[in-house]
Every structure is written in C-alpha cells, then in structure tokens.
C-alpha cells in the first residue's frame, strides 16, 4: 500500500522492521534504536538516475537542515543489476558522492530478486521516501521526486508533534 507523504495521525501501523545485510557509515541500526526520533528512510539504488539526482542529495540536505531532530537512513535496495551493485561498489559510490548518513543494504532471500524490506513496505521502485514518527509509526511513503518544501514541512510537522506515549 502506498500512502501520500502527508504526516497525518490516521496512520497507526508500526513501521515494519528492516532486514539489512550490511551497514555503511554506522553500526547496525533498528527502528527500535531510533524510537523517540523522527526517521526519514531514503530507499535507493546507486544506478538509479532519480536517486542520484534527487533522492540522495535531498536526504543529505534535509539531514543537515534538521540535524539531530531527524534520523536520516539510506536503504540500498537492489532489485535489478545485482552483479553491478555489490557492497564494494556501494562503498566506492558512498565515498564518491559523500553520503555520510547511515546506509543499510537491503537483504535478499535467493532466488527471489526482490529485496526483503523493499517487499515488506510494498515499494514499487526507487527512489522511495519513508517517514516514520517518534512512536515508530509509518506516516508517509512516496516513490519519486518530492518537492523540497513539501518534504521539509512534513518532517517539521512530525518533529513538532508530541509522542503518543
């Protein structure tokens, strides 16, 4: 199910756990580790033009704007060209593009070429942006480019909300 990137309280489902095979720029992270913080997940592939041009630069920028009030996580979710997008290639890509926020590699369960977390969230492609509130509730999911102001406003509203607990 795809929902708009609109942080309304009507979404009450806890965000599903990530299945990550390897982490870059961080020790392993779970959503439980980030409870109490607003989380933005940018699902991407390094060979995806929209990810390189829009998704990753936007995630980096919003991370710098909101600082510690927002946890920005990259999810390298490869559903095609598996042989070209290896962890070694990803490490070089992250260095070249100066991606500094934590990046997890979405796990695979062969022979299925679809990554596990990609399937769990019913993503349809990349880039896909997920917004998770302080209580761990999935509040927004959108594939494709998102206007900077729309995304910043959605993040700011979530940061300003009081946790339900």
N, C-alpha and C. Protein backbone atom coordinates (compact mmCIF):
# COMPACT_ATOMS: atom_id res chain seq x y z
N UNK A 1 0.85 -1.18 0.00
CA UNK A 1 0.00 0.00 0.00
C UNK A 1 0.89 1.24 0.00
N UNK A 2 0.66 2.15 -0.91
CA UNK A 2 1.39 3.40 -0.96
C UNK A 2 0.51 4.49 -0.38
N UNK A 3 1.06 5.26 0.51
CA UNK A 3 0.34 6.38 1.10
C UNK A 3 1.05 7.65 0.72
N UNK A 4 0.35 8.75 0.73
CA UNK A 4 0.97 10.01 0.37
C UNK A 4 1.93 10.44 1.46
N UNK A 5 2.81 11.31 1.12
CA UNK A 5 3.77 11.84 2.08
C UNK A 5 3.08 12.96 2.86
N UNK A 6 2.10 12.58 3.64
CA UNK A 6 1.32 13.51 4.44
C UNK A 6 1.27 12.99 5.86
N UNK A 7 1.96 13.64 6.78
CA UNK A 7 2.09 13.10 8.14
C UNK A 7 0.85 13.34 8.99
N UNK A 8 -0.24 12.70 8.65
CA UNK A 8 -1.45 12.79 9.45
C UNK A 8 -1.49 11.62 10.41
N UNK A 9 -2.09 11.81 11.57
CA UNK A 9 -2.12 10.79 12.63
C UNK A 9 -2.99 9.58 12.26
N UNK A 10 -3.63 9.57 11.13
CA UNK A 10 -4.53 8.46 10.81
C UNK A 10 -3.79 7.15 10.58
N UNK A 11 -2.48 7.22 10.30
CA UNK A 11 -1.72 6.01 10.10
C UNK A 11 -1.27 5.50 11.46
N UNK A 12 -1.71 4.31 11.83
CA UNK A 12 -1.44 3.78 13.17
C UNK A 12 -0.64 2.49 13.15
N UNK A 13 -0.18 2.07 11.99
CA UNK A 13 0.58 0.83 11.91
C UNK A 13 2.04 1.08 12.24
N UNK A 14 2.58 0.22 13.09
CA UNK A 14 4.01 0.31 13.38
C UNK A 14 4.78 -0.01 12.09
N UNK A 15 5.80 0.77 11.84
CA UNK A 15 6.62 0.53 10.65
C UNK A 15 7.29 -0.83 10.77
N UNK A 16 7.25 -1.64 9.73
CA UNK A 16 7.90 -2.96 9.78
C UNK A 16 9.41 -2.84 9.97
N UNK A 17 9.98 -3.85 10.60
CA UNK A 17 11.43 -3.89 10.81
C UNK A 17 12.15 -3.97 9.47
N UNK A 18 13.36 -3.42 9.43
CA UNK A 18 14.21 -3.53 8.25
C UNK A 18 14.96 -4.85 8.32
N UNK A 19 15.23 -5.44 7.16
CA UNK A 19 16.14 -6.60 7.07
C UNK A 19 17.36 -6.12 6.31
N UNK A 20 18.43 -5.89 7.03
CA UNK A 20 19.64 -5.31 6.45
C UNK A 20 20.78 -6.31 6.53
N UNK A 21 21.46 -6.52 5.41
CA UNK A 21 22.57 -7.46 5.34
C UNK A 21 23.88 -6.84 5.78
N UNK A 22 24.04 -5.53 5.59
CA UNK A 22 25.30 -4.86 5.91
C UNK A 22 25.02 -3.38 6.09
N UNK A 23 25.80 -2.75 6.97
CA UNK A 23 25.67 -1.30 7.21
C UNK A 23 26.95 -0.57 6.79
N UNK A 24 26.77 0.65 6.30
CA UNK A 24 27.85 1.57 5.99
C UNK A 24 27.62 2.84 6.80
N UNK A 25 28.68 3.47 7.23
CA UNK A 25 28.64 4.73 7.98
C UNK A 25 27.98 4.61 9.35
N UNK A 26 27.81 3.39 9.85
CA UNK A 26 27.14 3.21 11.13
C UNK A 26 27.28 1.78 11.61
N UNK A 27 27.16 1.61 12.92
CA UNK A 27 26.93 0.28 13.46
C UNK A 27 25.51 -0.12 13.07
N UNK A 28 25.14 -1.40 13.20
CA UNK A 28 23.77 -1.81 12.86
C UNK A 28 22.72 -1.00 13.63
N UNK A 29 21.65 -0.65 12.92
CA UNK A 29 20.55 0.13 13.48
C UNK A 29 19.22 -0.58 13.27
N UNK A 30 18.33 -0.42 14.22
CA UNK A 30 16.95 -0.89 14.06
C UNK A 30 16.02 0.29 14.32
N UNK A 31 14.76 0.12 13.96
CA UNK A 31 13.79 1.16 14.27
C UNK A 31 13.65 1.36 15.77
N UNK A 32 13.77 0.28 16.53
CA UNK A 32 13.70 0.41 17.99
C UNK A 32 14.83 1.28 18.52
N UNK A 33 16.02 1.20 17.90
CA UNK A 33 17.14 2.05 18.30
C UNK A 33 16.82 3.54 18.10
N UNK A 34 15.95 3.83 17.15
CA UNK A 34 15.65 5.20 16.78
C UNK A 34 14.34 5.71 17.38
N UNK A 35 13.68 4.89 18.20
CA UNK A 35 12.42 5.29 18.83
C UNK A 35 12.62 6.59 19.58
N UNK A 36 11.67 7.50 19.45
CA UNK A 36 11.79 8.82 20.07
C UNK A 36 12.28 9.88 19.09
N UNK A 37 12.75 9.45 17.92
CA UNK A 37 13.19 10.38 16.87
C UNK A 37 12.35 10.18 15.62
N UNK A 38 12.17 11.24 14.87
CA UNK A 38 11.54 11.14 13.56
C UNK A 38 12.59 10.54 12.62
N UNK A 39 12.16 9.60 11.77
CA UNK A 39 13.08 8.90 10.87
C UNK A 39 12.64 9.09 9.42
N UNK A 40 13.59 9.46 8.58
CA UNK A 40 13.37 9.51 7.15
C UNK A 40 14.25 8.43 6.54
N UNK A 41 13.65 7.52 5.79
CA UNK A 41 14.39 6.48 5.09
C UNK A 41 14.34 6.79 3.60
N UNK A 42 15.51 6.84 2.99
CA UNK A 42 15.60 7.04 1.54
C UNK A 42 16.04 5.73 0.91
N UNK A 43 15.09 5.04 0.28
CA UNK A 43 15.39 3.79 -0.41
C UNK A 43 15.91 4.14 -1.80
N UNK A 44 17.06 3.57 -2.16
CA UNK A 44 17.70 3.96 -3.41
C UNK A 44 18.48 2.79 -3.99
N UNK A 45 18.89 2.98 -5.25
CA UNK A 45 19.86 2.12 -5.92
C UNK A 45 20.91 3.05 -6.50
N UNK A 46 22.18 2.65 -6.42
CA UNK A 46 23.23 3.55 -6.89
C UNK A 46 23.20 3.74 -8.41
N UNK A 47 22.55 2.86 -9.16
CA UNK A 47 22.45 3.02 -10.62
C UNK A 47 21.12 3.65 -11.04
N UNK A 48 20.37 4.18 -10.09
CA UNK A 48 19.08 4.83 -10.36
C UNK A 48 19.30 6.32 -10.56
N UNK A 49 19.07 6.85 -11.77
CA UNK A 49 19.31 8.27 -12.02
C UNK A 49 18.52 9.20 -11.09
N UNK A 50 17.27 8.87 -10.81
CA UNK A 50 16.47 9.71 -9.91
C UNK A 50 17.01 9.71 -8.49
N UNK A 51 17.58 8.59 -8.07
CA UNK A 51 18.17 8.51 -6.73
C UNK A 51 19.40 9.39 -6.64
N UNK A 52 20.25 9.33 -7.67
CA UNK A 52 21.49 10.09 -7.67
C UNK A 52 21.22 11.59 -7.83
N UNK A 53 20.24 11.92 -8.66
CA UNK A 53 19.97 13.33 -8.96
C UNK A 53 19.09 13.99 -7.90
N UNK A 54 18.10 13.27 -7.34
CA UNK A 54 17.14 13.88 -6.43
C UNK A 54 17.17 13.28 -5.03
N UNK A 55 16.96 11.97 -4.94
CA UNK A 55 16.74 11.33 -3.65
C UNK A 55 17.87 11.48 -2.66
N UNK A 56 19.08 11.09 -3.04
CA UNK A 56 20.21 11.15 -2.10
C UNK A 56 20.63 12.58 -1.77
N UNK A 57 20.73 13.50 -2.75
CA UNK A 57 21.05 14.88 -2.37
C UNK A 57 19.99 15.50 -1.45
N UNK A 58 18.73 15.19 -1.70
CA UNK A 58 17.67 15.71 -0.83
C UNK A 58 17.78 15.15 0.58
N UNK A 59 18.06 13.86 0.69
CA UNK A 59 18.22 13.24 2.02
C UNK A 59 19.39 13.87 2.75
N UNK A 60 20.50 14.10 2.05
CA UNK A 60 21.65 14.74 2.67
C UNK A 60 21.31 16.16 3.13
N UNK A 61 20.64 16.89 2.27
CA UNK A 61 20.29 18.27 2.61
C UNK A 61 19.35 18.33 3.80
N UNK A 62 18.33 17.52 3.81
CA UNK A 62 17.37 17.56 4.92
C UNK A 62 18.01 17.08 6.22
N UNK A 63 18.98 16.18 6.11
CA UNK A 63 19.72 15.74 7.29
C UNK A 63 20.50 16.91 7.90
N UNK A 64 21.11 17.71 7.05
CA UNK A 64 21.88 18.87 7.54
C UNK A 64 20.95 19.95 8.10
N UNK A 65 19.79 20.14 7.48
CA UNK A 65 18.85 21.18 7.93
C UNK A 65 18.27 20.84 9.30
N UNK A 66 17.85 19.59 9.49
CA UNK A 66 17.16 19.22 10.74
C UNK A 66 18.10 18.65 11.80
N UNK A 67 19.33 18.33 11.44
CA UNK A 67 20.31 17.87 12.42
C UNK A 67 19.83 16.69 13.26
N UNK A 68 20.05 16.78 14.56
CA UNK A 68 19.74 15.67 15.47
C UNK A 68 18.24 15.45 15.68
N UNK A 69 17.39 16.37 15.20
CA UNK A 69 15.95 16.19 15.34
C UNK A 69 15.41 15.14 14.37
N UNK A 70 16.22 14.74 13.41
CA UNK A 70 15.79 13.80 12.37
C UNK A 70 16.88 12.77 12.14
N UNK A 71 16.51 11.50 12.12
CA UNK A 71 17.42 10.42 11.75
C UNK A 71 17.20 10.11 10.28
N UNK A 72 18.21 10.32 9.47
CA UNK A 72 18.13 10.00 8.04
C UNK A 72 18.90 8.72 7.81
N UNK A 73 18.22 7.76 7.18
CA UNK A 73 18.79 6.44 6.91
C UNK A 73 18.65 6.16 5.42
N UNK A 74 19.72 5.71 4.79
CA UNK A 74 19.65 5.24 3.42
C UNK A 74 19.42 3.74 3.41
N UNK A 75 18.67 3.26 2.45
CA UNK A 75 18.43 1.83 2.28
C UNK A 75 18.74 1.47 0.83
N UNK A 76 19.89 0.83 0.61
CA UNK A 76 20.26 0.42 -0.74
C UNK A 76 19.49 -0.85 -1.05
N UNK A 77 18.46 -0.71 -1.87
CA UNK A 77 17.52 -1.79 -2.11
C UNK A 77 17.56 -2.19 -3.58
N UNK A 78 18.41 -3.18 -3.86
CA UNK A 78 18.71 -3.57 -5.24
C UNK A 78 17.72 -4.62 -5.73
N UNK A 79 16.96 -4.26 -6.76
CA UNK A 79 16.03 -5.22 -7.36
C UNK A 79 16.36 -5.53 -8.81
N UNK A 80 17.48 -4.98 -9.31
CA UNK A 80 17.96 -5.26 -10.67
C UNK A 80 19.46 -5.01 -10.71
N UNK A 81 20.13 -5.55 -11.70
CA UNK A 81 21.58 -5.36 -11.87
C UNK A 81 22.37 -5.75 -10.61
N UNK A 82 22.00 -6.87 -10.01
CA UNK A 82 22.61 -7.32 -8.76
C UNK A 82 24.13 -7.47 -8.86
N UNK A 83 24.62 -7.96 -9.98
CA UNK A 83 26.06 -8.18 -10.13
C UNK A 83 26.86 -6.88 -10.13
N UNK A 84 26.24 -5.77 -10.56
CA UNK A 84 26.95 -4.50 -10.63
C UNK A 84 26.90 -3.73 -9.31
N UNK A 85 25.89 -3.99 -8.49
CA UNK A 85 25.70 -3.20 -7.27
C UNK A 85 26.09 -4.00 -6.03
N UNK A 86 27.35 -4.31 -5.94
CA UNK A 86 27.89 -5.09 -4.83
C UNK A 86 28.23 -4.17 -3.66
N UNK A 87 28.46 -4.73 -2.47
CA UNK A 87 28.90 -3.90 -1.34
C UNK A 87 30.19 -3.11 -1.64
N UNK A 88 31.11 -3.70 -2.38
CA UNK A 88 32.34 -2.99 -2.73
C UNK A 88 32.03 -1.78 -3.61
N UNK A 89 31.18 -1.98 -4.60
CA UNK A 89 30.77 -0.87 -5.47
C UNK A 89 30.02 0.20 -4.67
N UNK A 90 29.17 -0.24 -3.75
CA UNK A 90 28.41 0.70 -2.93
C UNK A 90 29.35 1.53 -2.06
N UNK A 91 30.36 0.91 -1.47
CA UNK A 91 31.31 1.65 -0.63
C UNK A 91 31.98 2.76 -1.45
N UNK A 92 32.39 2.46 -2.67
CA UNK A 92 33.01 3.46 -3.53
C UNK A 92 32.01 4.55 -3.90
N UNK A 93 30.79 4.17 -4.21
CA UNK A 93 29.73 5.13 -4.55
C UNK A 93 29.48 6.09 -3.38
N UNK A 94 29.33 5.55 -2.17
CA UNK A 94 29.06 6.39 -1.00
C UNK A 94 30.20 7.37 -0.75
N UNK A 95 31.43 6.93 -0.95
CA UNK A 95 32.58 7.83 -0.79
C UNK A 95 32.59 8.90 -1.87
N UNK A 96 32.37 8.50 -3.11
CA UNK A 96 32.40 9.45 -4.23
C UNK A 96 31.33 10.52 -4.08
N UNK A 97 30.12 10.12 -3.67
CA UNK A 97 29.01 11.06 -3.54
C UNK A 97 28.91 11.67 -2.14
N UNK A 98 29.86 11.36 -1.30
CA UNK A 98 29.95 11.91 0.06
C UNK A 98 28.67 11.69 0.87
N UNK A 99 28.14 10.50 0.79
CA UNK A 99 26.97 10.14 1.59
C UNK A 99 27.48 9.81 2.99
N UNK A 100 27.07 10.57 3.98
CA UNK A 100 27.59 10.43 5.34
C UNK A 100 26.60 9.80 6.31
N UNK A 101 25.31 9.81 5.97
CA UNK A 101 24.33 9.21 6.89
C UNK A 101 24.39 7.69 6.80
N UNK A 102 23.86 6.99 7.80
CA UNK A 102 23.89 5.52 7.78
C UNK A 102 23.16 4.96 6.56
N UNK A 103 23.75 3.92 5.97
CA UNK A 103 23.15 3.24 4.81
C UNK A 103 23.17 1.75 5.07
N UNK A 104 21.99 1.14 4.99
CA UNK A 104 21.86 -0.30 5.11
C UNK A 104 21.64 -0.93 3.74
N UNK A 105 22.17 -2.13 3.55
CA UNK A 105 21.95 -2.88 2.32
C UNK A 105 20.78 -3.82 2.56
N UNK A 106 19.71 -3.62 1.83
CA UNK A 106 18.51 -4.45 1.98
C UNK A 106 18.85 -5.92 1.72
N UNK A 107 18.40 -6.79 2.60
CA UNK A 107 18.69 -8.22 2.49
C UNK A 107 17.93 -8.86 1.33
N UNK A 108 18.49 -9.96 0.82
CA UNK A 108 17.86 -10.78 -0.22
C UNK A 108 17.68 -12.19 0.31
N UNK A 109 16.65 -12.85 -0.15
CA UNK A 109 16.45 -14.27 0.12
C UNK A 109 16.37 -14.97 -1.23
N UNK A 110 17.55 -15.43 -1.74
CA UNK A 110 17.56 -16.09 -3.05
C UNK A 110 16.59 -17.27 -3.08
N UNK A 111 15.99 -17.55 -4.21
CA UNK A 111 16.26 -16.99 -5.54
C UNK A 111 15.44 -15.74 -5.85
N UNK A 112 14.65 -15.22 -4.90
CA UNK A 112 13.84 -14.03 -5.15
C UNK A 112 14.74 -12.81 -5.37
N UNK A 113 14.64 -12.14 -6.53
CA UNK A 113 15.49 -10.97 -6.77
C UNK A 113 15.02 -9.72 -6.01
N UNK A 114 13.78 -9.76 -5.47
CA UNK A 114 13.26 -8.59 -4.75
C UNK A 114 13.84 -8.52 -3.34
N UNK A 115 14.37 -7.38 -2.94
CA UNK A 115 14.90 -7.24 -1.60
C UNK A 115 13.79 -7.38 -0.55
N UNK A 116 14.15 -7.85 0.63
CA UNK A 116 13.18 -8.16 1.67
C UNK A 116 12.43 -6.92 2.16
N UNK A 117 13.15 -5.89 2.57
CA UNK A 117 12.49 -4.69 3.10
C UNK A 117 11.69 -3.99 2.01
N UNK A 118 12.21 -3.96 0.81
CA UNK A 118 11.51 -3.41 -0.35
C UNK A 118 10.13 -4.06 -0.47
N UNK A 119 10.08 -5.39 -0.36
CA UNK A 119 8.82 -6.11 -0.45
C UNK A 119 7.93 -5.89 0.76
N UNK A 120 8.51 -5.85 1.94
CA UNK A 120 7.74 -5.65 3.16
C UNK A 120 6.99 -4.33 3.13
N UNK A 121 7.62 -3.30 2.60
CA UNK A 121 6.99 -1.98 2.51
C UNK A 121 6.21 -1.80 1.21
N UNK A 122 6.12 -2.83 0.39
CA UNK A 122 5.40 -2.78 -0.89
C UNK A 122 5.87 -1.61 -1.76
N UNK A 123 7.19 -1.41 -1.77
CA UNK A 123 7.74 -0.36 -2.63
C UNK A 123 7.59 -0.79 -4.08
N UNK A 124 7.47 0.21 -4.95
CA UNK A 124 7.31 -0.08 -6.37
C UNK A 124 8.53 0.30 -7.19
N UNK A 125 9.49 0.97 -6.56
CA UNK A 125 10.69 1.39 -7.26
C UNK A 125 11.50 2.32 -6.39
N UNK A 126 12.50 2.94 -7.01
CA UNK A 126 13.35 3.87 -6.30
C UNK A 126 13.46 5.16 -7.10
N UNK A 127 13.66 6.28 -6.45
CA UNK A 127 13.76 6.45 -5.02
C UNK A 127 12.39 6.37 -4.35
N UNK A 128 12.38 5.85 -3.14
CA UNK A 128 11.18 5.86 -2.30
C UNK A 128 11.56 6.44 -0.95
N UNK A 129 10.75 7.37 -0.49
CA UNK A 129 10.97 8.02 0.80
C UNK A 129 9.92 7.53 1.79
N UNK A 130 10.39 7.14 2.98
CA UNK A 130 9.52 6.74 4.08
C UNK A 130 9.68 7.74 5.21
N UNK A 131 8.58 8.10 5.86
CA UNK A 131 8.61 8.93 7.05
C UNK A 131 8.01 8.14 8.20
N UNK A 132 8.75 8.07 9.29
CA UNK A 132 8.33 7.30 10.47
C UNK A 132 8.37 8.26 11.66
N UNK A 133 7.28 8.29 12.44
CA UNK A 133 7.22 9.25 13.55
C UNK A 133 7.97 8.74 14.77
N UNK A 134 7.97 9.53 15.84
CA UNK A 134 8.71 9.22 17.06
C UNK A 134 8.25 7.93 17.73
N UNK A 135 7.00 7.55 17.47
CA UNK A 135 6.44 6.33 18.05
C UNK A 135 6.67 5.10 17.18
N UNK A 136 7.39 5.27 16.07
CA UNK A 136 7.67 4.14 15.18
C UNK A 136 6.55 3.83 14.22
N UNK A 137 5.65 4.79 14.00
CA UNK A 137 4.51 4.60 13.11
C UNK A 137 4.86 5.13 11.72
N UNK A 138 4.62 4.31 10.70
CA UNK A 138 4.84 4.74 9.31
C UNK A 138 3.79 5.80 8.98
N UNK A 139 4.26 7.01 8.68
CA UNK A 139 3.34 8.13 8.46
C UNK A 139 3.33 8.62 7.03
N UNK A 140 4.30 8.20 6.23
CA UNK A 140 4.32 8.63 4.84
C UNK A 140 5.22 7.73 4.02
N UNK A 141 4.81 7.52 2.78
CA UNK A 141 5.62 6.74 1.84
C UNK A 141 5.32 7.25 0.45
N UNK A 142 6.38 7.63 -0.28
CA UNK A 142 6.18 8.12 -1.63
C UNK A 142 7.36 7.74 -2.51
N UNK A 143 7.04 7.28 -3.69
CA UNK A 143 8.06 6.98 -4.69
C UNK A 143 8.25 8.19 -5.58
N UNK A 144 9.50 8.43 -5.98
CA UNK A 144 9.79 9.51 -6.92
C UNK A 144 10.26 10.77 -6.23
N UNK A 145 10.49 11.78 -7.04
CA UNK A 145 10.97 13.06 -6.53
C UNK A 145 9.87 13.74 -5.71
N UNK A 146 10.29 14.37 -4.62
CA UNK A 146 9.38 15.10 -3.74
C UNK A 146 9.89 16.54 -3.67
N UNK A 147 8.99 17.48 -3.76
CA UNK A 147 9.35 18.88 -3.63
C UNK A 147 10.02 19.11 -2.27
N UNK A 148 11.14 19.84 -2.26
CA UNK A 148 11.89 20.08 -1.03
C UNK A 148 11.02 20.70 0.07
N UNK A 149 10.21 21.68 -0.29
CA UNK A 149 9.37 22.36 0.70
C UNK A 149 8.31 21.44 1.27
N UNK A 150 7.73 20.60 0.43
CA UNK A 150 6.71 19.65 0.90
C UNK A 150 7.32 18.67 1.88
N UNK A 151 8.50 18.14 1.55
CA UNK A 151 9.15 17.19 2.44
C UNK A 151 9.57 17.86 3.74
N UNK A 152 10.16 19.04 3.66
CA UNK A 152 10.59 19.75 4.87
C UNK A 152 9.40 20.06 5.78
N UNK A 153 8.28 20.46 5.20
CA UNK A 153 7.08 20.75 6.00
C UNK A 153 6.56 19.49 6.69
N UNK A 154 6.56 18.37 5.97
CA UNK A 154 6.10 17.11 6.56
C UNK A 154 7.00 16.69 7.72
N UNK A 155 8.32 16.82 7.53
CA UNK A 155 9.27 16.47 8.59
C UNK A 155 9.08 17.40 9.78
N UNK A 156 8.96 18.69 9.54
CA UNK A 156 8.80 19.66 10.63
C UNK A 156 7.54 19.38 11.44
N UNK A 157 6.44 19.03 10.77
CA UNK A 157 5.20 18.71 11.50
C UNK A 157 5.42 17.50 12.40
N UNK A 158 6.11 16.49 11.90
CA UNK A 158 6.36 15.30 12.73
C UNK A 158 7.28 15.62 13.90
N UNK A 159 8.27 16.43 13.68
CA UNK A 159 9.18 16.81 14.77
C UNK A 159 8.43 17.59 15.84
N UNK A 160 7.48 18.44 15.43
CA UNK A 160 6.73 19.26 16.38
C UNK A 160 5.66 18.49 17.16
N UNK A 161 5.27 17.30 16.66
CA UNK A 161 4.26 16.51 17.37
C UNK A 161 4.83 15.94 18.67
N UNK A 162 3.97 15.81 19.64
CA UNK A 162 4.35 15.13 20.87
C UNK A 162 4.21 13.63 20.66
N UNK A 163 5.13 12.83 21.21
CA UNK A 163 4.97 11.37 21.12
C UNK A 163 3.67 10.94 21.79
N UNK A 164 3.06 9.87 21.27
CA UNK A 164 1.78 9.38 21.81
C UNK A 164 1.94 8.84 23.22
N UNK A 165 3.10 8.25 23.54
CA UNK A 165 3.33 7.63 24.84
C UNK A 165 3.45 8.64 25.89
